[in-house]
Amino acid sequence: MELAVKSKIMDAVKLRRVLTRIAHEILERNRGTANLILIGIRRRGVPLAERLQHFINEIEAVEVPLGILDITLYRDDLTTLSNQPSINRTEIPFAIGGKKIVLVDDVLFTGRTVRAAMDALMDLGRPQNIQLAVVVDRGHRELPIHADYVGKNVPTSRKEEIAVQLQEIDGVDQVLIRELSQEADVST
């Protein structure tokens, strides 16, 4: 399936502004950093959570604990992913019971990834609450899940894809809308 870039909706500067704003919103809603934990969902949620941790540290001079969550075994589509899905480690070296958790991911789409992440977190303890921070909310929810912190709402069609590209993984900071190219559409 060939995807062509339709438009760039964020560059590095806009992405930094979005994350700085989300960091401020997290602090305002939670009245500071007491009992606050950031958890990045593997893959792109991890560097985003690290950046939020950095911005919060710049604002409050407090390093909020950061965890890494792998949801592979909690996915409801595990059998369709691959015969041998790649499983990474969850790295949450602290208790989450009674804590305010901000779950961080790049794109909110159907809600299934977030549901899997919440299931995984509940197996580790009972947090006070779970909040969700995403760079892009593209709609098309299949589950009753919403983000508490959204960088940008981008209504999309099912033929489109949002690609959040990060320096740490992709070598560039940008957010793109991609869609099935005409050549690929004709051959199907």
C-alpha atoms as a PDB file:
ATOM      1  CA  MET A   1       0.000   0.000   0.000  1.00  0.00           C
ATOM      2  CA  GLU A   2       1.608   3.226  -1.210  1.00  0.00           C
ATOM      3  CA  LEU A   3       0.860   6.363   0.820  1.00  0.00           C
ATOM      4  CA  ALA A   4       1.546   9.803  -0.611  1.00  0.00           C
ATOM      5  CA  VAL A   5       2.039  12.944   1.481  1.00  0.00           C
ATOM      6  CA  LYS A   6      -1.086  15.078   1.229  1.00  0.00           C
ATOM      7  CA  SER A   7       0.043  17.884   3.553  1.00  0.00           C
ATOM      8  CA  LYS A   8       2.353  18.812   6.385  1.00  0.00           C
ATOM      9  CA  ILE A   9       0.333  19.977   9.362  1.00  0.00           C
ATOM     10  CA  MET A  10       3.197  20.542  11.806  1.00  0.00           C
ATOM     11  CA  ASP A  11       6.884  21.237  11.520  1.00  0.00           C
ATOM     12  CA  ALA A  12       9.453  21.049  14.330  1.00  0.00           C
ATOM     13  CA  VAL A  13       8.603  24.531  15.658  1.00  0.00           C
ATOM     14  CA  LYS A  14       4.848  23.849  15.771  1.00  0.00           C
ATOM     15  CA  LEU A  15       5.402  20.462  17.401  1.00  0.00           C
ATOM     16  CA  ARG A  16       7.545  22.070  20.111  1.00  0.00           C
ATOM     17  CA  ARG A  17       4.840  24.697  20.739  1.00  0.00           C
ATOM     18  CA  VAL A  18       2.174  21.998  20.974  1.00  0.00           C
ATOM     19  CA  LEU A  19       4.183  19.988  23.501  1.00  0.00           C
ATOM     20  CA  THR A  20       5.020  23.089  25.545  1.00  0.00           C
ATOM     21  CA  ARG A  21       1.310  23.996  25.664  1.00  0.00           C
ATOM     22  CA  ILE A  22       0.344  20.448  26.663  1.00  0.00           C
ATOM     23  CA  ALA A  23       2.959  20.522  29.454  1.00  0.00           C
ATOM     24  CA  HIS A  24       1.405  23.749  30.799  1.00  0.00           C
ATOM     25  CA  GLU A  25      -2.107  22.268  30.539  1.00  0.00           C
ATOM     26  CA  ILE A  26      -1.021  19.136  32.436  1.00  0.00           C
ATOM     27  CA  LEU A  27       0.443  21.262  35.235  1.00  0.00           C
ATOM     28  CA  GLU A  28      -2.612  23.507  35.398  1.00  0.00           C
ATOM     29  CA  ARG A  29      -5.137  20.668  35.474  1.00  0.00           C
ATOM     30  CA  ASN A  30      -3.163  18.702  38.083  1.00  0.00           C
ATOM     31  CA  ARG A  31      -2.232  21.784  40.134  1.00  0.00           C
ATOM     32  CA  GLY A  32       1.460  21.031  39.845  1.00  0.00           C
ATOM     33  CA  THR A  33       3.428  17.798  39.845  1.00  0.00           C
ATOM     34  CA  ALA A  34       2.366  16.088  43.094  1.00  0.00           C
ATOM     35  CA  ASN A  35       1.640  12.380  42.444  1.00  0.00           C
ATOM     36  CA  LEU A  36       2.042  12.945  38.690  1.00  0.00           C
ATOM     37  CA  ILE A  37       3.555  10.287  36.424  1.00  0.00           C
ATOM     38  CA  LEU A  38       4.095  10.328  32.658  1.00  0.00           C
ATOM     39  CA  ILE A  39       3.774   7.013  30.796  1.00  0.00           C
ATOM     40  CA  GLY A  40       4.754   6.835  27.128  1.00  0.00           C
ATOM     41  CA  ILE A  41       3.146   4.162  24.953  1.00  0.00           C
ATOM     42  CA  ARG A  42       5.808   2.429  22.888  1.00  0.00           C
ATOM     43  CA  ARG A  43       6.847   3.582  20.143  1.00  0.00           C
ATOM     44  CA  ARG A  44       6.320   7.281  19.515  1.00  0.00           C
ATOM     45  CA  GLY A  45       4.626   7.940  22.834  1.00  0.00           C
ATOM     46  CA  VAL A  46       7.950   7.374  24.596  1.00  0.00           C
ATOM     47  CA  PRO A  47       9.972  10.254  23.074  1.00  0.00           C
ATOM     48  CA  LEU A  48       6.884  12.474  23.356  1.00  0.00           C
ATOM     49  CA  ALA A  49       6.602  11.653  27.081  1.00  0.00           C
ATOM     50  CA  GLU A  50      10.331  12.360  27.470  1.00  0.00           C
ATOM     51  CA  ARG A  51       9.867  15.759  25.851  1.00  0.00           C
ATOM     52  CA  LEU A  52       6.889  16.542  28.089  1.00  0.00           C
ATOM     53  CA  GLN A  53       8.983  15.520  31.102  1.00  0.00           C
ATOM     54  CA  HIS A  54      11.689  17.945  29.927  1.00  0.00           C
ATOM     55  CA  PHE A  55       9.220  20.848  29.466  1.00  0.00           C
ATOM     56  CA  ILE A  56       7.608  20.198  32.854  1.00  0.00           C
ATOM     57  CA  ASN A  57      11.066  20.188  34.423  1.00  0.00           C
ATOM     58  CA  GLU A  58      11.841  23.527  32.726  1.00  0.00           C
ATOM     59  CA  ILE A  59       8.587  25.027  34.037  1.00  0.00           C
ATOM     60  CA  GLU A  60       8.477  23.573  37.572  1.00  0.00           C
ATOM     61  CA  ALA A  61      12.105  22.510  38.206  1.00  0.00           C
ATOM     62  CA  VAL A  62      10.753  19.046  39.124  1.00  0.00           C
ATOM     63  CA  GLU A  63      11.519  15.818  37.301  1.00  0.00           C
ATOM     64  CA  VAL A  64       8.253  13.934  36.988  1.00  0.00           C
ATOM     65  CA  PRO A  65       8.690  10.119  36.957  1.00  0.00           C
ATOM     66  CA  LEU A  66       8.542   8.624  33.477  1.00  0.00           C
ATOM     67  CA  GLY A  67       7.536   5.108  32.504  1.00  0.00           C
ATOM     68  CA  ILE A  68       7.460   3.173  29.249  1.00  0.00           C
ATOM     69  CA  LEU A  69       4.519   0.934  28.406  1.00  0.00           C
ATOM     70  CA  ASP A  70       4.482  -1.862  25.832  1.00  0.00           C
ATOM     71  CA  ILE A  71       0.905  -2.846  24.976  1.00  0.00           C
ATOM     72  CA  THR A  72       1.616  -5.591  22.445  1.00  0.00           C
ATOM     73  CA  LEU A  73       0.090  -8.411  24.497  1.00  0.00           C
ATOM     74  CA  TYR A  74      -2.970  -6.301  25.359  1.00  0.00           C
ATOM     75  CA  ARG A  75      -3.968  -5.513  21.767  1.00  0.00           C
ATOM     76  CA  ASP A  76      -7.249  -6.945  20.516  1.00  0.00           C
ATOM     77  CA  ASP A  77      -5.718  -7.370  17.048  1.00  0.00           C
ATOM     78  CA  LEU A  78      -2.598  -9.247  18.174  1.00  0.00           C
ATOM     79  CA  THR A  79      -3.278 -12.251  15.952  1.00  0.00           C
ATOM     80  CA  THR A  80      -3.593 -10.050  12.863  1.00  0.00           C
ATOM     81  CA  LEU A  81      -0.347  -8.144  13.456  1.00  0.00           C
ATOM     82  CA  SER A  82       2.126 -10.912  12.765  1.00  0.00           C
ATOM     83  CA  ASN A  83       2.871 -14.558  13.440  1.00  0.00           C
ATOM     84  CA  GLN A  84       5.694 -13.383  15.717  1.00  0.00           C
ATOM     85  CA  PRO A  85       4.780  -9.916  17.076  1.00  0.00           C
ATOM     86  CA  SER A  86       7.687  -7.945  18.494  1.00  0.00           C
ATOM     87  CA  ILE A  87       7.325  -7.617  22.251  1.00  0.00           C
ATOM     88  CA  ASN A  88       9.296  -4.970  24.102  1.00  0.00           C
ATOM     89  CA  ARG A  89       9.673  -4.381  27.806  1.00  0.00           C
ATOM     90  CA  THR A  90       7.414  -2.265  29.919  1.00  0.00           C
ATOM     91  CA  GLU A  91       9.632  -0.101  32.097  1.00  0.00           C
ATOM     92  CA  ILE A  92       7.687   1.319  35.018  1.00  0.00           C
ATOM     93  CA  PRO A  93      10.085   1.037  37.979  1.00  0.00           C
ATOM     94  CA  PHE A  94       7.722   2.643  40.508  1.00  0.00           C
ATOM     95  CA  ALA A  95       4.295   2.002  41.993  1.00  0.00           C
ATOM     96  CA  ILE A  96       1.392   3.577  40.118  1.00  0.00           C
ATOM     97  CA  GLY A  97      -1.258   3.015  42.781  1.00  0.00           C
ATOM     98  CA  GLY A  98      -2.926   6.273  43.800  1.00  0.00           C
ATOM     99  CA  LYS A  99      -0.976   8.289  41.214  1.00  0.00           C
ATOM    100  CA  LYS A 100      -2.192  10.643  38.500  1.00  0.00           C
ATOM    101  CA  ILE A 101      -1.013   9.101  35.255  1.00  0.00           C
ATOM    102  CA  VAL A 102      -0.711  10.985  31.996  1.00  0.00           C
ATOM    103  CA  LEU A 103      -0.628   8.410  29.219  1.00  0.00           C
ATOM    104  CA  VAL A 104       1.189   9.820  26.167  1.00  0.00           C
ATOM    105  CA  ASP A 105       0.776   8.751  22.536  1.00  0.00           C
ATOM    106  CA  ASP A 106       1.175  10.333  19.125  1.00  0.00           C
ATOM    107  CA  VAL A 107      -2.260   9.867  17.478  1.00  0.00           C
ATOM    108  CA  LEU A 108      -5.706   9.074  18.862  1.00  0.00           C
ATOM    109  CA  PHE A 109      -7.738   7.207  16.258  1.00  0.00           C
ATOM    110  CA  THR A 110     -10.126   4.354  17.126  1.00  0.00           C
ATOM    111  CA  GLY A 111      -9.266   4.309  20.832  1.00  0.00           C
ATOM    112  CA  ARG A 112      -8.148   0.676  20.810  1.00  0.00           C
ATOM    113  CA  THR A 113      -4.500   1.454  21.599  1.00  0.00           C
ATOM    114  CA  VAL A 114      -5.533   3.548  24.594  1.00  0.00           C
ATOM    115  CA  ARG A 115      -7.890   0.824  25.819  1.00  0.00           C
ATOM    116  CA  ALA A 116      -5.045  -1.694  25.622  1.00  0.00           C
ATOM    117  CA  ALA A 117      -2.771   0.722  27.505  1.00  0.00           C
ATOM    118  CA  MET A 118      -5.343   1.208  30.257  1.00  0.00           C
ATOM    119  CA  ASP A 119      -5.723  -2.574  30.598  1.00  0.00           C
ATOM    120  CA  ALA A 120      -1.944  -2.911  30.912  1.00  0.00           C
ATOM    121  CA  LEU A 121      -1.768  -0.135  33.523  1.00  0.00           C
ATOM    122  CA  MET A 122      -4.554  -1.654  35.611  1.00  0.00           C
ATOM    123  CA  ASP A 123      -2.550  -4.886  35.799  1.00  0.00           C
ATOM    124  CA  LEU A 124       0.222  -2.854  37.457  1.00  0.00           C
ATOM    125  CA  GLY A 125      -1.910  -1.103  40.079  1.00  0.00           C
ATOM    126  CA  ARG A 126      -4.854   1.194  40.589  1.00  0.00           C
ATOM    127  CA  PRO A 127      -3.991   4.793  39.727  1.00  0.00           C
ATOM    128  CA  GLN A 128      -5.987   7.728  41.088  1.00  0.00           C
ATOM    129  CA  ASN A 129      -6.797   8.615  37.488  1.00  0.00           C
ATOM    130  CA  ILE A 130      -5.550   8.166  33.949  1.00  0.00           C
ATOM    131  CA  GLN A 131      -5.368  11.138  31.609  1.00  0.00           C
ATOM    132  CA  LEU A 132      -4.485  11.030  27.929  1.00  0.00           C
ATOM    133  CA  ALA A 133      -2.192  13.384  25.994  1.00  0.00           C
ATOM    134  CA  VAL A 134      -1.866  13.090  22.214  1.00  0.00           C
ATOM    135  CA  VAL A 135      -0.299  15.214  19.494  1.00  0.00           C
ATOM    136  CA  VAL A 136      -3.188  14.595  17.059  1.00  0.00           C
ATOM    137  CA  ASP A 137      -6.794  13.470  17.508  1.00  0.00           C
ATOM    138  CA  ARG A 138      -7.999  12.348  14.086  1.00  0.00           C
ATOM    139  CA  GLY A 139     -11.474  11.127  15.021  1.00  0.00           C
ATOM    140  CA  HIS A 140     -13.107   7.835  13.951  1.00  0.00           C
ATOM    141  CA  ARG A 141     -13.489   6.531  17.512  1.00  0.00           C
ATOM    142  CA  GLU A 142     -14.692   2.949  17.947  1.00  0.00           C
ATOM    143  CA  LEU A 143     -14.570   3.106  21.750  1.00  0.00           C
ATOM    144  CA  PRO A 144     -15.789   5.830  24.150  1.00  0.00           C
ATOM    145  CA  ILE A 145     -12.324   7.298  24.734  1.00  0.00           C
ATOM    146  CA  HIS A 146     -11.265  10.931  24.520  1.00  0.00           C
ATOM    147  CA  ALA A 147      -7.998  12.783  25.037  1.00  0.00           C
ATOM    148  CA  ASP A 148      -7.596  15.229  27.905  1.00  0.00           C
ATOM    149  CA  TYR A 149      -4.763  17.058  26.136  1.00  0.00           C
ATOM    150  CA  VAL A 150      -4.739  17.414  22.354  1.00  0.00           C
ATOM    151  CA  GLY A 151      -2.138  19.173  20.265  1.00  0.00           C
ATOM    152  CA  LYS A 152      -4.384  19.422  17.217  1.00  0.00           C
ATOM    153  CA  ASN A 153      -7.717  17.976  16.100  1.00  0.00           C
ATOM    154  CA  VAL A 154      -7.422  16.868  12.489  1.00  0.00           C
ATOM    155  CA  PRO A 155     -10.561  15.398  10.931  1.00  0.00           C
ATOM    156  CA  THR A 156      -9.489  12.726   8.455  1.00  0.00           C
ATOM    157  CA  SER A 157     -11.022  10.222   6.098  1.00  0.00           C
ATOM    158  CA  ARG A 158     -10.438   6.501   6.538  1.00  0.00           C
ATOM    159  CA  LYS A 159      -8.203   6.616   3.423  1.00  0.00           C
ATOM    160  CA  GLU A 160      -5.857   9.026   5.176  1.00  0.00           C
ATOM    161  CA  GLU A 161      -3.193   8.424   7.789  1.00  0.00           C
ATOM    162  CA  ILE A 162      -1.566  10.785  10.268  1.00  0.00           C
ATOM    163  CA  ALA A 163       2.199  10.294  10.500  1.00  0.00           C
ATOM    164  CA  VAL A 164       3.870  11.856  13.528  1.00  0.00           C
ATOM    165  CA  GLN A 165       7.568  11.746  12.746  1.00  0.00           C
ATOM    166  CA  LEU A 166      10.034  12.359  15.540  1.00  0.00           C
ATOM    167  CA  GLN A 167      13.732  13.160  15.488  1.00  0.00           C
ATOM    168  CA  GLU A 168      14.500  10.281  17.863  1.00  0.00           C
ATOM    169  CA  ILE A 169      12.938   7.665  15.568  1.00  0.00           C
ATOM    170  CA  ASP A 170      12.556   9.184  12.098  1.00  0.00           C
ATOM    171  CA  GLY A 171      15.318  11.789  12.009  1.00  0.00           C
ATOM    172  CA  VAL A 172      12.857  14.687  11.603  1.00  0.00           C
ATOM    173  CA  ASP A 173      10.114  16.405  13.615  1.00  0.00           C
ATOM    174  CA  GLN A 174       6.931  16.831  11.596  1.00  0.00           C
ATOM    175  CA  VAL A 175       3.333  15.704  11.340  1.00  0.00           C
ATOM    176  CA  LEU A 176       2.001  14.671   7.942  1.00  0.00           C
ATOM    177  CA  ILE A 177      -1.307  13.652   6.454  1.00  0.00           C
ATOM    178  CA  ARG A 178      -0.770  10.847   3.977  1.00  0.00           C
ATOM    179  CA  GLU A 179      -3.305   9.150   1.754  1.00  0.00           C
ATOM    180  CA  LEU A 180      -3.479   6.225  -0.589  1.00  0.00           C
ATOM    181  CA  SER A 181      -1.801   7.356  -3.806  1.00  0.00           C
ATOM    182  CA  GLN A 182      -3.705   7.217  -7.087  1.00  0.00           C
ATOM    183  CA  GLU A 183      -1.374   4.575  -8.568  1.00  0.00           C
ATOM    184  CA  ALA A 184      -1.911   2.266  -5.608  1.00  0.00           C
ATOM    185  CA  ASP A 185      -5.658   2.943  -5.634  1.00  0.00           C
ATOM    186  CA  VAL A 186      -5.960   1.877  -9.297  1.00  0.00           C
ATOM    187  CA  SER A 187      -4.127  -1.428  -8.789  1.00  0.00           C
ATOM    188  CA  THR A 188      -6.454  -2.629  -6.003  1.00  0.00           C
END
